[in-house]
């Protein structure tokens, strides 16, 4: 990571400028008894969208530049993905093999194998027919006392043997026409489901190596150059959508109770042709700074509360993070605050 990028990231996370110093100046002005207690000092900040890949890799391409604009869905960067592509190819082959295995289990034997069994069955049937005729003939000869009982028994045995052989081959033919057993088919189906799940995982890993903009906005910063190694989960690009720009200011304890989300205010800044309308979106439920002594009417004046406001649509691009602004609250809120004092 470039040193300047680390510096920018640290500076951004710490605040675009020293918020503590700004608060100290604000608090000093309030304690000095400023006549216009509803005109406060603030600054512009943003909620940044850091885009990272859950997988590590070398940065192959960076499709945006710091300070540029990007639309949702446009490519931001791509990490090396040779390993992930190979994993997808392997998973696809495993799925194909599992599909073929399942198809084989649900089919009978091949036609040539069935033809061989059918030929054996015809041969067995011929032997059975001859054995039956011979047995019937010898039964008549035995009744005529032409042959002995031993010869009749031999003919009967040969007939029964031929009949059993024909039944056995017929059963083999019926089995050959069937597919695999139900448990074999179920096992093959389970293997196919597992192969498909691994393919989905491999494709997801491949997709994560290429990241697109989740929102439209300003490319606030880029933290890596092409060829650098990016650790898993480390942001590569930081975006600042216009709707994520906000104004932060601090109000004294006497004024905090009069502010509610949805109230209107105006801000001015250097170079502004006219005040910009803002809407309060957040009022902190607790003081940012509390004195190290018990609360009293004198010490309560030292309490300040964080307030956030969003600019009116269309004015977001006029504001820049870190930019100091003057916040003017509505006249009705000013009167309420003075009455409370």
C-alpha atoms as a PDB file:
ATOM      1  CA  UNK A   1       0.000   0.000   0.000  1.00  0.00           C
ATOM      2  CA  UNK A   2       1.310   3.463  -0.840  1.00  0.00           C
ATOM      3  CA  UNK A   3       2.378   5.551   2.122  1.00  0.00           C
ATOM      4  CA  UNK A   4       0.289   8.443   0.953  1.00  0.00           C
ATOM      5  CA  UNK A   5      -2.765   6.203   0.839  1.00  0.00           C
ATOM      6  CA  UNK A   6      -2.175   5.086   4.419  1.00  0.00           C
ATOM      7  CA  UNK A   7      -1.862   8.710   5.388  1.00  0.00           C
ATOM      8  CA  UNK A   8      -5.136   9.568   3.660  1.00  0.00           C
ATOM      9  CA  UNK A   9      -6.939   6.634   5.245  1.00  0.00           C
ATOM     10  CA  UNK A  10      -5.672   7.558   8.711  1.00  0.00           C
ATOM     11  CA  UNK A  11      -6.536  11.177   8.199  1.00  0.00           C
ATOM     12  CA  UNK A  12     -10.024  10.318   6.967  1.00  0.00           C
ATOM     13  CA  UNK A  13     -10.757   7.994   9.850  1.00  0.00           C
ATOM     14  CA  UNK A  14      -9.533  10.550  12.340  1.00  0.00           C
ATOM     15  CA  UNK A  15     -11.626  13.341  10.764  1.00  0.00           C
ATOM     16  CA  UNK A  16     -10.956  15.666   7.881  1.00  0.00           C
ATOM     17  CA  UNK A  17      -9.549  18.143  10.382  1.00  0.00           C
ATOM     18  CA  UNK A  18      -9.132  18.294  14.130  1.00  0.00           C
ATOM     19  CA  UNK A  19     -12.686  18.042  15.413  1.00  0.00           C
ATOM     20  CA  UNK A  20     -11.430  18.512  18.941  1.00  0.00           C
ATOM     21  CA  UNK A  21      -9.889  21.871  18.087  1.00  0.00           C
ATOM     22  CA  UNK A  22     -13.055  22.964  16.306  1.00  0.00           C
ATOM     23  CA  UNK A  23     -15.125  21.961  19.323  1.00  0.00           C
ATOM     24  CA  UNK A  24     -12.829  23.835  21.645  1.00  0.00           C
ATOM     25  CA  UNK A  25     -13.219  27.001  19.588  1.00  0.00           C
ATOM     26  CA  UNK A  26     -16.965  26.483  19.433  1.00  0.00           C
ATOM     27  CA  UNK A  27     -17.249  25.943  23.147  1.00  0.00           C
ATOM     28  CA  UNK A  28     -15.130  29.008  23.847  1.00  0.00           C
ATOM     29  CA  UNK A  29     -17.393  31.116  21.651  1.00  0.00           C
ATOM     30  CA  UNK A  30     -20.477  29.821  23.408  1.00  0.00           C
ATOM     31  CA  UNK A  31     -19.066  30.449  26.865  1.00  0.00           C
ATOM     32  CA  UNK A  32     -18.068  33.953  25.835  1.00  0.00           C
ATOM     33  CA  UNK A  33     -21.748  34.765  25.510  1.00  0.00           C
ATOM     34  CA  UNK A  34     -22.059  35.074  21.751  1.00  0.00           C
ATOM     35  CA  UNK A  35     -25.219  37.039  20.917  1.00  0.00           C
ATOM     36  CA  UNK A  36     -26.158  34.792  17.989  1.00  0.00           C
ATOM     37  CA  UNK A  37     -26.284  31.459  19.804  1.00  0.00           C
ATOM     38  CA  UNK A  38     -28.104  29.794  16.872  1.00  0.00           C
ATOM     39  CA  UNK A  39     -25.225  30.324  14.407  1.00  0.00           C
ATOM     40  CA  UNK A  40     -22.769  27.522  14.975  1.00  0.00           C
ATOM     41  CA  UNK A  41     -19.570  26.268  13.454  1.00  0.00           C
ATOM     42  CA  UNK A  42     -19.493  22.846  11.779  1.00  0.00           C
ATOM     43  CA  UNK A  43     -17.798  20.868   9.072  1.00  0.00           C
ATOM     44  CA  UNK A  44     -18.637  18.493   6.247  1.00  0.00           C
ATOM     45  CA  UNK A  45     -18.079  14.754   6.588  1.00  0.00           C
ATOM     46  CA  UNK A  46     -19.143  11.669   4.657  1.00  0.00           C
ATOM     47  CA  UNK A  47     -20.086   8.045   5.214  1.00  0.00           C
ATOM     48  CA  UNK A  48     -17.665   6.234   2.942  1.00  0.00           C
ATOM     49  CA  UNK A  49     -18.285   2.959   1.149  1.00  0.00           C
ATOM     50  CA  UNK A  50     -15.106   0.871   1.194  1.00  0.00           C
ATOM     51  CA  UNK A  51     -15.065  -1.814  -1.507  1.00  0.00           C
ATOM     52  CA  UNK A  52     -12.938  -4.900  -0.862  1.00  0.00           C
ATOM     53  CA  UNK A  53     -12.692  -8.507  -1.972  1.00  0.00           C
ATOM     54  CA  UNK A  54     -13.137 -11.265   0.616  1.00  0.00           C
ATOM     55  CA  UNK A  55     -10.266 -13.090  -1.095  1.00  0.00           C
ATOM     56  CA  UNK A  56      -6.626 -12.102  -1.343  1.00  0.00           C
ATOM     57  CA  UNK A  57      -4.675 -11.641  -4.554  1.00  0.00           C
ATOM     58  CA  UNK A  58      -2.480  -9.448  -6.674  1.00  0.00           C
ATOM     59  CA  UNK A  59      -4.199  -6.392  -8.138  1.00  0.00           C
ATOM     60  CA  UNK A  60      -4.495  -7.057 -11.862  1.00  0.00           C
ATOM     61  CA  UNK A  61      -6.445  -3.975 -12.922  1.00  0.00           C
ATOM     62  CA  UNK A  62      -7.779  -0.782 -11.366  1.00  0.00           C
ATOM     63  CA  UNK A  63     -10.550   0.699 -13.477  1.00  0.00           C
ATOM     64  CA  UNK A  64     -11.123   3.996 -11.615  1.00  0.00           C
ATOM     65  CA  UNK A  65      -9.050   6.965 -10.505  1.00  0.00           C
ATOM     66  CA  UNK A  66      -9.171   8.970  -7.336  1.00  0.00           C
ATOM     67  CA  UNK A  67     -11.423  12.000  -7.770  1.00  0.00           C
ATOM     68  CA  UNK A  68     -13.432  10.480 -10.617  1.00  0.00           C
ATOM     69  CA  UNK A  69     -17.089   9.561 -10.744  1.00  0.00           C
ATOM     70  CA  UNK A  70     -18.479   6.060 -11.021  1.00  0.00           C
ATOM     71  CA  UNK A  71     -21.963   4.656 -11.534  1.00  0.00           C
ATOM     72  CA  UNK A  72     -23.422   1.670  -9.718  1.00  0.00           C
ATOM     73  CA  UNK A  73     -22.486  -1.563 -11.476  1.00  0.00           C
ATOM     74  CA  UNK A  74     -19.407  -0.215 -13.234  1.00  0.00           C
ATOM     75  CA  UNK A  75     -16.165  -2.186 -12.682  1.00  0.00           C
ATOM     76  CA  UNK A  76     -13.779  -0.985  -9.986  1.00  0.00           C
ATOM     77  CA  UNK A  77     -10.919  -3.477  -9.854  1.00  0.00           C
ATOM     78  CA  UNK A  78      -9.924  -7.076 -10.492  1.00  0.00           C
ATOM     79  CA  UNK A  79      -7.559  -9.352  -8.591  1.00  0.00           C
ATOM     80  CA  UNK A  80      -5.645 -12.235 -10.140  1.00  0.00           C
ATOM     81  CA  UNK A  81      -8.038 -15.153 -10.636  1.00  0.00           C
ATOM     82  CA  UNK A  82      -6.101 -17.954 -12.365  1.00  0.00           C
ATOM     83  CA  UNK A  83      -6.528 -20.267  -9.366  1.00  0.00           C
ATOM     84  CA  UNK A  84     -10.257 -19.560  -9.116  1.00  0.00           C
ATOM     85  CA  UNK A  85     -10.773 -20.147 -12.853  1.00  0.00           C
ATOM     86  CA  UNK A  86      -9.003 -23.498 -12.593  1.00  0.00           C
ATOM     87  CA  UNK A  87     -11.196 -24.401  -9.620  1.00  0.00           C
ATOM     88  CA  UNK A  88     -14.312 -23.606 -11.662  1.00  0.00           C
ATOM     89  CA  UNK A  89     -13.097 -25.798 -14.550  1.00  0.00           C
ATOM     90  CA  UNK A  90     -12.412 -28.684 -12.176  1.00  0.00           C
ATOM     91  CA  UNK A  91     -15.806 -28.293 -10.508  1.00  0.00           C
ATOM     92  CA  UNK A  92     -17.564 -28.294 -13.888  1.00  0.00           C
ATOM     93  CA  UNK A  93     -15.840 -31.551 -14.844  1.00  0.00           C
ATOM     94  CA  UNK A  94     -16.838 -33.096 -11.515  1.00  0.00           C
ATOM     95  CA  UNK A  95     -20.459 -32.130 -12.142  1.00  0.00           C
ATOM     96  CA  UNK A  96     -20.331 -33.683 -15.627  1.00  0.00           C
ATOM     97  CA  UNK A  97     -18.873 -36.896 -14.227  1.00  0.00           C
ATOM     98  CA  UNK A  98     -21.525 -37.069 -11.496  1.00  0.00           C
ATOM     99  CA  UNK A  99     -24.296 -36.487 -14.046  1.00  0.00           C
ATOM    100  CA  UNK A 100     -22.994 -39.321 -16.214  1.00  0.00           C
ATOM    101  CA  UNK A 101     -22.717 -41.617 -13.218  1.00  0.00           C
ATOM    102  CA  UNK A 102     -26.317 -40.920 -12.214  1.00  0.00           C
ATOM    103  CA  UNK A 103     -27.516 -41.474 -15.771  1.00  0.00           C
ATOM    104  CA  UNK A 104     -25.668 -44.795 -15.880  1.00  0.00           C
ATOM    105  CA  UNK A 105     -27.290 -45.889 -12.628  1.00  0.00           C
ATOM    106  CA  UNK A 106     -30.791 -45.139 -13.907  1.00  0.00           C
ATOM    107  CA  UNK A 107     -30.326 -47.018 -17.202  1.00  0.00           C
ATOM    108  CA  UNK A 108     -30.245 -50.755 -17.923  1.00  0.00           C
ATOM    109  CA  UNK A 109     -27.345 -52.569 -19.552  1.00  0.00           C
ATOM    110  CA  UNK A 110     -26.142 -51.734 -23.021  1.00  0.00           C
ATOM    111  CA  UNK A 111     -28.013 -53.154 -26.061  1.00  0.00           C
ATOM    112  CA  UNK A 112     -25.199 -55.547 -26.943  1.00  0.00           C
ATOM    113  CA  UNK A 113     -25.240 -56.966 -23.422  1.00  0.00           C
ATOM    114  CA  UNK A 114     -29.016 -57.375 -23.571  1.00  0.00           C
ATOM    115  CA  UNK A 115     -28.710 -59.141 -26.951  1.00  0.00           C
ATOM    116  CA  UNK A 116     -26.226 -61.639 -25.503  1.00  0.00           C
ATOM    117  CA  UNK A 117     -28.569 -62.491 -22.623  1.00  0.00           C
ATOM    118  CA  UNK A 118     -31.506 -62.843 -25.011  1.00  0.00           C
ATOM    119  CA  UNK A 119     -29.471 -65.291 -27.113  1.00  0.00           C
ATOM    120  CA  UNK A 120     -28.727 -67.328 -24.001  1.00  0.00           C
ATOM    121  CA  UNK A 121     -32.432 -67.314 -23.177  1.00  0.00           C
ATOM    122  CA  UNK A 122     -33.365 -68.602 -26.637  1.00  0.00           C
ATOM    123  CA  UNK A 123     -30.792 -71.375 -26.301  1.00  0.00           C
ATOM    124  CA  UNK A 124     -32.137 -72.306 -22.868  1.00  0.00           C
ATOM    125  CA  UNK A 125     -35.694 -72.311 -24.175  1.00  0.00           C
ATOM    126  CA  UNK A 126     -34.675 -74.658 -26.982  1.00  0.00           C
ATOM    127  CA  UNK A 127     -33.054 -77.003 -24.508  1.00  0.00           C
ATOM    128  CA  UNK A 128     -36.156 -76.807 -22.335  1.00  0.00           C
ATOM    129  CA  UNK A 129     -38.432 -77.642 -25.249  1.00  0.00           C
ATOM    130  CA  UNK A 130     -36.350 -80.679 -26.183  1.00  0.00           C
ATOM    131  CA  UNK A 131     -36.148 -81.841 -22.545  1.00  0.00           C
ATOM    132  CA  UNK A 132     -39.923 -81.535 -22.150  1.00  0.00           C
ATOM    133  CA  UNK A 133     -40.643 -83.520 -25.297  1.00  0.00           C
ATOM    134  CA  UNK A 134     -38.139 -86.193 -24.299  1.00  0.00           C
ATOM    135  CA  UNK A 135     -39.676 -86.456 -20.846  1.00  0.00           C
ATOM    136  CA  UNK A 136     -43.214 -86.771 -22.279  1.00  0.00           C
ATOM    137  CA  UNK A 137     -42.037 -89.451 -24.727  1.00  0.00           C
ATOM    138  CA  UNK A 138     -40.284 -91.456 -22.024  1.00  0.00           C
ATOM    139  CA  UNK A 139     -43.336 -91.240 -19.779  1.00  0.00           C
ATOM    140  CA  UNK A 140     -45.344 -93.036 -22.485  1.00  0.00           C
ATOM    141  CA  UNK A 141     -42.578 -95.584 -22.963  1.00  0.00           C
ATOM    142  CA  UNK A 142     -42.476 -96.233 -19.255  1.00  0.00           C
ATOM    143  CA  UNK A 143     -46.231 -96.723 -19.201  1.00  0.00           C
ATOM    144  CA  UNK A 144     -45.759 -99.255 -21.995  1.00  0.00           C
ATOM    145  CA  UNK A 145     -43.025-100.876 -19.901  1.00  0.00           C
ATOM    146  CA  UNK A 146     -40.541-100.250 -22.658  1.00  0.00           C
ATOM    147  CA  UNK A 147     -38.000 -98.362 -20.520  1.00  0.00           C
ATOM    148  CA  UNK A 148     -36.969 -98.608 -16.936  1.00  0.00           C
ATOM    149  CA  UNK A 149     -37.893 -96.207 -14.133  1.00  0.00           C
ATOM    150  CA  UNK A 150     -34.282 -95.076 -14.002  1.00  0.00           C
ATOM    151  CA  UNK A 151     -34.421 -93.767 -17.564  1.00  0.00           C
ATOM    152  CA  UNK A 152     -37.685 -91.948 -16.770  1.00  0.00           C
ATOM    153  CA  UNK A 153     -36.125 -90.319 -13.708  1.00  0.00           C
ATOM    154  CA  UNK A 154     -33.154 -89.173 -15.773  1.00  0.00           C
ATOM    155  CA  UNK A 155     -35.456 -87.578 -18.359  1.00  0.00           C
ATOM    156  CA  UNK A 156     -37.431 -85.862 -15.603  1.00  0.00           C
ATOM    157  CA  UNK A 157     -34.206 -84.470 -14.078  1.00  0.00           C
ATOM    158  CA  UNK A 158     -32.981 -83.151 -17.397  1.00  0.00           C
ATOM    159  CA  UNK A 159     -36.335 -81.433 -17.967  1.00  0.00           C
ATOM    160  CA  UNK A 160     -36.312 -79.757 -14.539  1.00  0.00           C
ATOM    161  CA  UNK A 161     -32.711 -78.642 -15.045  1.00  0.00           C
ATOM    162  CA  UNK A 162     -33.544 -77.071 -18.407  1.00  0.00           C
ATOM    163  CA  UNK A 163     -36.606 -75.346 -16.963  1.00  0.00           C
ATOM    164  CA  UNK A 164     -34.611 -73.838 -14.070  1.00  0.00           C
ATOM    165  CA  UNK A 165     -31.897 -72.649 -16.469  1.00  0.00           C
ATOM    166  CA  UNK A 166     -34.496 -70.907 -18.626  1.00  0.00           C
ATOM    167  CA  UNK A 167     -36.055 -69.205 -15.584  1.00  0.00           C
ATOM    168  CA  UNK A 168     -32.625 -68.056 -14.367  1.00  0.00           C
ATOM    169  CA  UNK A 169     -31.667 -66.469 -17.675  1.00  0.00           C
ATOM    170  CA  UNK A 170     -35.092 -64.812 -17.940  1.00  0.00           C
ATOM    171  CA  UNK A 171     -34.546 -63.243 -14.516  1.00  0.00           C
ATOM    172  CA  UNK A 172     -31.095 -62.038 -15.594  1.00  0.00           C
ATOM    173  CA  UNK A 173     -32.639 -60.400 -18.653  1.00  0.00           C
ATOM    174  CA  UNK A 174     -35.283 -58.649 -16.538  1.00  0.00           C
ATOM    175  CA  UNK A 175     -32.586 -57.361 -14.165  1.00  0.00           C
ATOM    176  CA  UNK A 176     -30.424 -56.158 -17.057  1.00  0.00           C
ATOM    177  CA  UNK A 177     -33.311 -54.085 -18.361  1.00  0.00           C
ATOM    178  CA  UNK A 178     -33.657 -52.296 -15.020  1.00  0.00           C
ATOM    179  CA  UNK A 179     -31.496 -49.426 -13.760  1.00  0.00           C
ATOM    180  CA  UNK A 180     -29.363 -49.462 -10.624  1.00  0.00           C
ATOM    181  CA  UNK A 181     -30.778 -50.205  -7.224  1.00  0.00           C
ATOM    182  CA  UNK A 182     -32.577 -47.397  -5.416  1.00  0.00           C
ATOM    183  CA  UNK A 183     -29.800 -46.903  -2.884  1.00  0.00           C
ATOM    184  CA  UNK A 184     -27.191 -46.707  -5.663  1.00  0.00           C
ATOM    185  CA  UNK A 185     -29.280 -44.137  -7.514  1.00  0.00           C
ATOM    186  CA  UNK A 186     -29.745 -42.094  -4.312  1.00  0.00           C
ATOM    187  CA  UNK A 187     -25.987 -42.138  -3.674  1.00  0.00           C
ATOM    188  CA  UNK A 188     -25.296 -40.984  -7.236  1.00  0.00           C
ATOM    189  CA  UNK A 189     -27.831 -38.171  -6.853  1.00  0.00           C
ATOM    190  CA  UNK A 190     -26.173 -37.051  -3.617  1.00  0.00           C
ATOM    191  CA  UNK A 191     -22.782 -36.971  -5.335  1.00  0.00           C
ATOM    192  CA  UNK A 192     -24.242 -34.842  -8.108  1.00  0.00           C
ATOM    193  CA  UNK A 193     -25.780 -32.394  -5.616  1.00  0.00           C
ATOM    194  CA  UNK A 194     -22.449 -32.073  -3.802  1.00  0.00           C
ATOM    195  CA  UNK A 195     -20.598 -31.478  -7.079  1.00  0.00           C
ATOM    196  CA  UNK A 196     -23.066 -28.775  -8.071  1.00  0.00           C
ATOM    197  CA  UNK A 197     -22.678 -27.064  -4.680  1.00  0.00           C
ATOM    198  CA  UNK A 198     -18.893 -27.040  -5.069  1.00  0.00           C
ATOM    199  CA  UNK A 199     -19.299 -25.563  -8.541  1.00  0.00           C
ATOM    200  CA  UNK A 200     -21.444 -22.749  -7.151  1.00  0.00           C
ATOM    201  CA  UNK A 201     -18.835 -22.051  -4.483  1.00  0.00           C
ATOM    202  CA  UNK A 202     -16.040 -22.010  -7.071  1.00  0.00           C
ATOM    203  CA  UNK A 203     -17.994 -19.610  -9.265  1.00  0.00           C
ATOM    204  CA  UNK A 204     -18.687 -17.341  -6.272  1.00  0.00           C
ATOM    205  CA  UNK A 205     -14.976 -17.239  -5.453  1.00  0.00           C
ATOM    206  CA  UNK A 206     -14.209 -16.310  -9.047  1.00  0.00           C
ATOM    207  CA  UNK A 207     -16.848 -13.566  -9.039  1.00  0.00           C
ATOM    208  CA  UNK A 208     -15.389 -12.061  -5.853  1.00  0.00           C
ATOM    209  CA  UNK A 209     -12.079 -11.413  -7.597  1.00  0.00           C
ATOM    210  CA  UNK A 210     -13.831  -8.751  -9.707  1.00  0.00           C
ATOM    211  CA  UNK A 211     -15.605  -5.971  -7.823  1.00  0.00           C
ATOM    212  CA  UNK A 212     -18.071  -3.431  -9.220  1.00  0.00           C
ATOM    213  CA  UNK A 213     -19.398  -0.242  -7.680  1.00  0.00           C
ATOM    214  CA  UNK A 214     -22.285  -1.013  -5.289  1.00  0.00           C
ATOM    215  CA  UNK A 215     -23.411   2.639  -5.461  1.00  0.00           C
ATOM    216  CA  UNK A 216     -22.864   5.673  -7.646  1.00  0.00           C
ATOM    217  CA  UNK A 217     -20.639   8.421  -6.347  1.00  0.00           C
ATOM    218  CA  UNK A 218     -17.225   9.991  -6.087  1.00  0.00           C
ATOM    219  CA  UNK A 219     -14.107   7.825  -6.072  1.00  0.00           C
ATOM    220  CA  UNK A 220     -12.767   9.278  -2.836  1.00  0.00           C
ATOM    221  CA  UNK A 221      -9.560   7.255  -2.736  1.00  0.00           C
ATOM    222  CA  UNK A 222      -7.718   4.216  -4.055  1.00  0.00           C
ATOM    223  CA  UNK A 223      -5.308   2.401  -1.757  1.00  0.00           C
ATOM    224  CA  UNK A 224      -3.338   0.065  -4.063  1.00  0.00           C
ATOM    225  CA  UNK A 225      -1.547   0.200  -7.407  1.00  0.00           C
ATOM    226  CA  UNK A 226      -1.524  -2.507 -10.067  1.00  0.00           C
ATOM    227  CA  UNK A 227       0.772  -5.372  -9.177  1.00  0.00           C
ATOM    228  CA  UNK A 228       0.501  -4.899  -5.412  1.00  0.00           C
ATOM    229  CA  UNK A 229      -0.690  -7.709  -3.163  1.00  0.00           C
ATOM    230  CA  UNK A 230      -4.078  -7.087  -1.584  1.00  0.00           C
ATOM    231  CA  UNK A 231      -4.914  -8.952   1.605  1.00  0.00           C
ATOM    232  CA  UNK A 232      -8.366 -10.475   2.025  1.00  0.00           C
ATOM    233  CA  UNK A 233     -10.925  -7.924   3.136  1.00  0.00           C
ATOM    234  CA  UNK A 234      -8.653  -4.902   2.631  1.00  0.00           C
ATOM    235  CA  UNK A 235     -10.391  -1.972   0.875  1.00  0.00           C
ATOM    236  CA  UNK A 236      -9.057  -1.190  -2.572  1.00  0.00           C
ATOM    237  CA  UNK A 237     -11.425   1.656  -3.469  1.00  0.00           C
ATOM    238  CA  UNK A 238     -13.346   4.075  -1.247  1.00  0.00           C
ATOM    239  CA  UNK A 239     -16.535   5.630  -2.633  1.00  0.00           C
ATOM    240  CA  UNK A 240     -18.478   8.614  -1.373  1.00  0.00           C
ATOM    241  CA  UNK A 241     -22.094   8.582  -2.604  1.00  0.00           C
ATOM    242  CA  UNK A 242     -23.705  12.053  -2.693  1.00  0.00           C
ATOM    243  CA  UNK A 243     -26.442  10.958  -0.326  1.00  0.00           C
ATOM    244  CA  UNK A 244     -23.799  10.025   2.268  1.00  0.00           C
ATOM    245  CA  UNK A 245     -22.480  13.583   2.617  1.00  0.00           C
ATOM    246  CA  UNK A 246     -23.480  15.204   5.906  1.00  0.00           C
ATOM    247  CA  UNK A 247     -22.822  18.274   8.018  1.00  0.00           C
ATOM    248  CA  UNK A 248     -21.634  17.802  11.599  1.00  0.00           C
ATOM    249  CA  UNK A 249     -21.882  20.497  14.258  1.00  0.00           C
ATOM    250  CA  UNK A 250     -22.172  20.669  18.026  1.00  0.00           C
ATOM    251  CA  UNK A 251     -24.772  22.522  20.076  1.00  0.00           C
ATOM    252  CA  UNK A 252     -24.780  23.476  23.758  1.00  0.00           C
ATOM    253  CA  UNK A 253     -26.888  21.635  26.283  1.00  0.00           C
ATOM    254  CA  UNK A 254     -29.474  24.439  26.395  1.00  0.00           C
ATOM    255  CA  UNK A 255     -30.129  24.071  22.680  1.00  0.00           C
ATOM    256  CA  UNK A 256     -29.859  20.294  22.256  1.00  0.00           C
ATOM    257  CA  UNK A 257     -33.283  19.624  23.779  1.00  0.00           C
ATOM    258  CA  UNK A 258     -34.999  21.797  21.170  1.00  0.00           C
ATOM    259  CA  UNK A 259     -33.635  19.938  18.129  1.00  0.00           C
ATOM    260  CA  UNK A 260     -35.308  16.984  16.499  1.00  0.00           C
ATOM    261  CA  UNK A 261     -34.606  14.989  13.315  1.00  0.00           C
ATOM    262  CA  UNK A 262     -36.471  16.542  10.419  1.00  0.00           C
ATOM    263  CA  UNK A 263     -35.920  20.167  11.503  1.00  0.00           C
ATOM    264  CA  UNK A 264     -34.524  22.551   8.909  1.00  0.00           C
ATOM    265  CA  UNK A 265     -31.399  24.697   9.001  1.00  0.00           C
ATOM    266  CA  UNK A 266     -29.090  26.499   6.608  1.00  0.00           C
ATOM    267  CA  UNK A 267     -25.359  26.399   6.095  1.00  0.00           C
ATOM    268  CA  UNK A 268     -22.947  28.832   4.536  1.00  0.00           C
ATOM    269  CA  UNK A 269     -19.368  28.291   3.429  1.00  0.00           C
ATOM    270  CA  UNK A 270     -16.631  30.152   1.624  1.00  0.00           C
ATOM    271  CA  UNK A 271     -17.526  30.752  -1.982  1.00  0.00           C
ATOM    272  CA  UNK A 272     -21.180  29.767  -1.579  1.00  0.00           C
ATOM    273  CA  UNK A 273     -23.447  31.973  -3.727  1.00  0.00           C
ATOM    274  CA  UNK A 274     -26.362  31.369  -1.357  1.00  0.00           C
ATOM    275  CA  UNK A 275     -27.075  29.409   1.840  1.00  0.00           C
ATOM    276  CA  UNK A 276     -27.698  25.693   1.413  1.00  0.00           C
ATOM    277  CA  UNK A 277     -30.696  24.133   3.133  1.00  0.00           C
ATOM    278  CA  UNK A 278     -30.026  21.114   5.352  1.00  0.00           C
ATOM    279  CA  UNK A 279     -32.249  18.791   7.350  1.00  0.00           C
ATOM    280  CA  UNK A 280     -31.244  17.529  10.775  1.00  0.00           C
ATOM    281  CA  UNK A 281     -30.986  13.746  10.629  1.00  0.00           C
ATOM    282  CA  UNK A 282     -29.448  12.884  13.998  1.00  0.00           C
ATOM    283  CA  UNK A 283     -29.119  14.429  17.464  1.00  0.00           C
ATOM    284  CA  UNK A 284     -26.826  12.599  19.844  1.00  0.00           C
ATOM    285  CA  UNK A 285     -28.600  11.281  22.965  1.00  0.00           C
ATOM    286  CA  UNK A 286     -25.523  11.901  25.108  1.00  0.00           C
ATOM    287  CA  UNK A 287     -22.987  14.661  25.576  1.00  0.00           C
ATOM    288  CA  UNK A 288     -19.727  14.485  23.701  1.00  0.00           C
ATOM    289  CA  UNK A 289     -17.801  16.049  26.591  1.00  0.00           C
ATOM    290  CA  UNK A 290     -18.696  15.871  30.249  1.00  0.00           C
ATOM    291  CA  UNK A 291     -16.902  17.847  33.003  1.00  0.00           C
ATOM    292  CA  UNK A 292     -15.058  15.884  35.697  1.00  0.00           C
ATOM    293  CA  UNK A 293     -17.249  17.362  38.453  1.00  0.00           C
ATOM    294  CA  UNK A 294     -20.857  16.887  39.401  1.00  0.00           C
ATOM    295  CA  UNK A 295     -23.444  18.616  37.272  1.00  0.00           C
ATOM    296  CA  UNK A 296     -24.413  22.142  38.243  1.00  0.00           C
ATOM    297  CA  UNK A 297     -26.031  25.116  36.580  1.00  0.00           C
ATOM    298  CA  UNK A 298     -22.556  26.480  35.813  1.00  0.00           C
ATOM    299  CA  UNK A 299     -21.105  23.227  34.464  1.00  0.00           C
ATOM    300  CA  UNK A 300     -24.065  22.401  32.253  1.00  0.00           C
ATOM    301  CA  UNK A 301     -23.009  25.159  29.887  1.00  0.00           C
ATOM    302  CA  UNK A 302     -19.911  23.125  29.088  1.00  0.00           C
ATOM    303  CA  UNK A 303     -21.894  20.198  27.662  1.00  0.00           C
ATOM    304  CA  UNK A 304     -22.158  19.929  23.868  1.00  0.00           C
ATOM    305  CA  UNK A 305     -24.118  17.455  21.760  1.00  0.00           C
ATOM    306  CA  UNK A 306     -23.311  16.174  18.294  1.00  0.00           C
ATOM    307  CA  UNK A 307     -25.839  16.948  15.562  1.00  0.00           C
ATOM    308  CA  UNK A 308     -25.830  15.679  11.981  1.00  0.00           C
ATOM    309  CA  UNK A 309     -27.713  17.191   9.038  1.00  0.00           C
ATOM    310  CA  UNK A 310     -28.132  16.204   5.416  1.00  0.00           C
ATOM    311  CA  UNK A 311     -28.030  18.752   2.583  1.00  0.00           C
ATOM    312  CA  UNK A 312     -31.013  19.234   0.316  1.00  0.00           C
ATOM    313  CA  UNK A 313     -30.991  17.051  -2.833  1.00  0.00           C
ATOM    314  CA  UNK A 314     -28.928  18.588  -5.598  1.00  0.00           C
ATOM    315  CA  UNK A 315     -26.546  20.420  -3.265  1.00  0.00           C
ATOM    316  CA  UNK A 316     -24.440  17.448  -2.180  1.00  0.00           C
ATOM    317  CA  UNK A 317     -21.757  18.029  -4.808  1.00  0.00           C
ATOM    318  CA  UNK A 318     -21.178  21.574  -3.485  1.00  0.00           C
ATOM    319  CA  UNK A 319     -19.808  20.188  -0.229  1.00  0.00           C
ATOM    320  CA  UNK A 320     -16.456  18.524   0.396  1.00  0.00           C
ATOM    321  CA  UNK A 321     -15.406  16.459   3.431  1.00  0.00           C
ATOM    322  CA  UNK A 322     -13.420  18.599   5.846  1.00  0.00           C
ATOM    323  CA  UNK A 323     -14.940  21.847   4.592  1.00  0.00           C
ATOM    324  CA  UNK A 324     -15.849  24.258   7.449  1.00  0.00           C
ATOM    325  CA  UNK A 325     -19.383  25.642   7.397  1.00  0.00           C
ATOM    326  CA  UNK A 326     -21.549  28.072   9.368  1.00  0.00           C
ATOM    327  CA  UNK A 327     -24.792  26.518  10.564  1.00  0.00           C
ATOM    328  CA  UNK A 328     -27.815  28.801  11.052  1.00  0.00           C
ATOM    329  CA  UNK A 329     -30.731  27.246  12.895  1.00  0.00           C
ATOM    330  CA  UNK A 330     -34.309  28.330  12.332  1.00  0.00           C
ATOM    331  CA  UNK A 331     -35.500  31.445  14.187  1.00  0.00           C
ATOM    332  CA  UNK A 332     -38.106  29.509  16.179  1.00  0.00           C
ATOM    333  CA  UNK A 333     -35.441  27.153  17.532  1.00  0.00           C
ATOM    334  CA  UNK A 334     -33.328  30.160  18.551  1.00  0.00           C
ATOM    335  CA  UNK A 335     -36.152  31.608  20.573  1.00  0.00           C
ATOM    336  CA  UNK A 336     -36.775  28.337  22.326  1.00  0.00           C
ATOM    337  CA  UNK A 337     -33.130  28.064  23.264  1.00  0.00           C
ATOM    338  CA  UNK A 338     -32.979  31.616  24.672  1.00  0.00           C
ATOM    339  CA  UNK A 339     -36.149  31.028  26.675  1.00  0.00           C
ATOM    340  CA  UNK A 340     -34.561  27.938  28.166  1.00  0.00           C
ATOM    341  CA  UNK A 341     -31.577  29.996  29.225  1.00  0.00           C
END
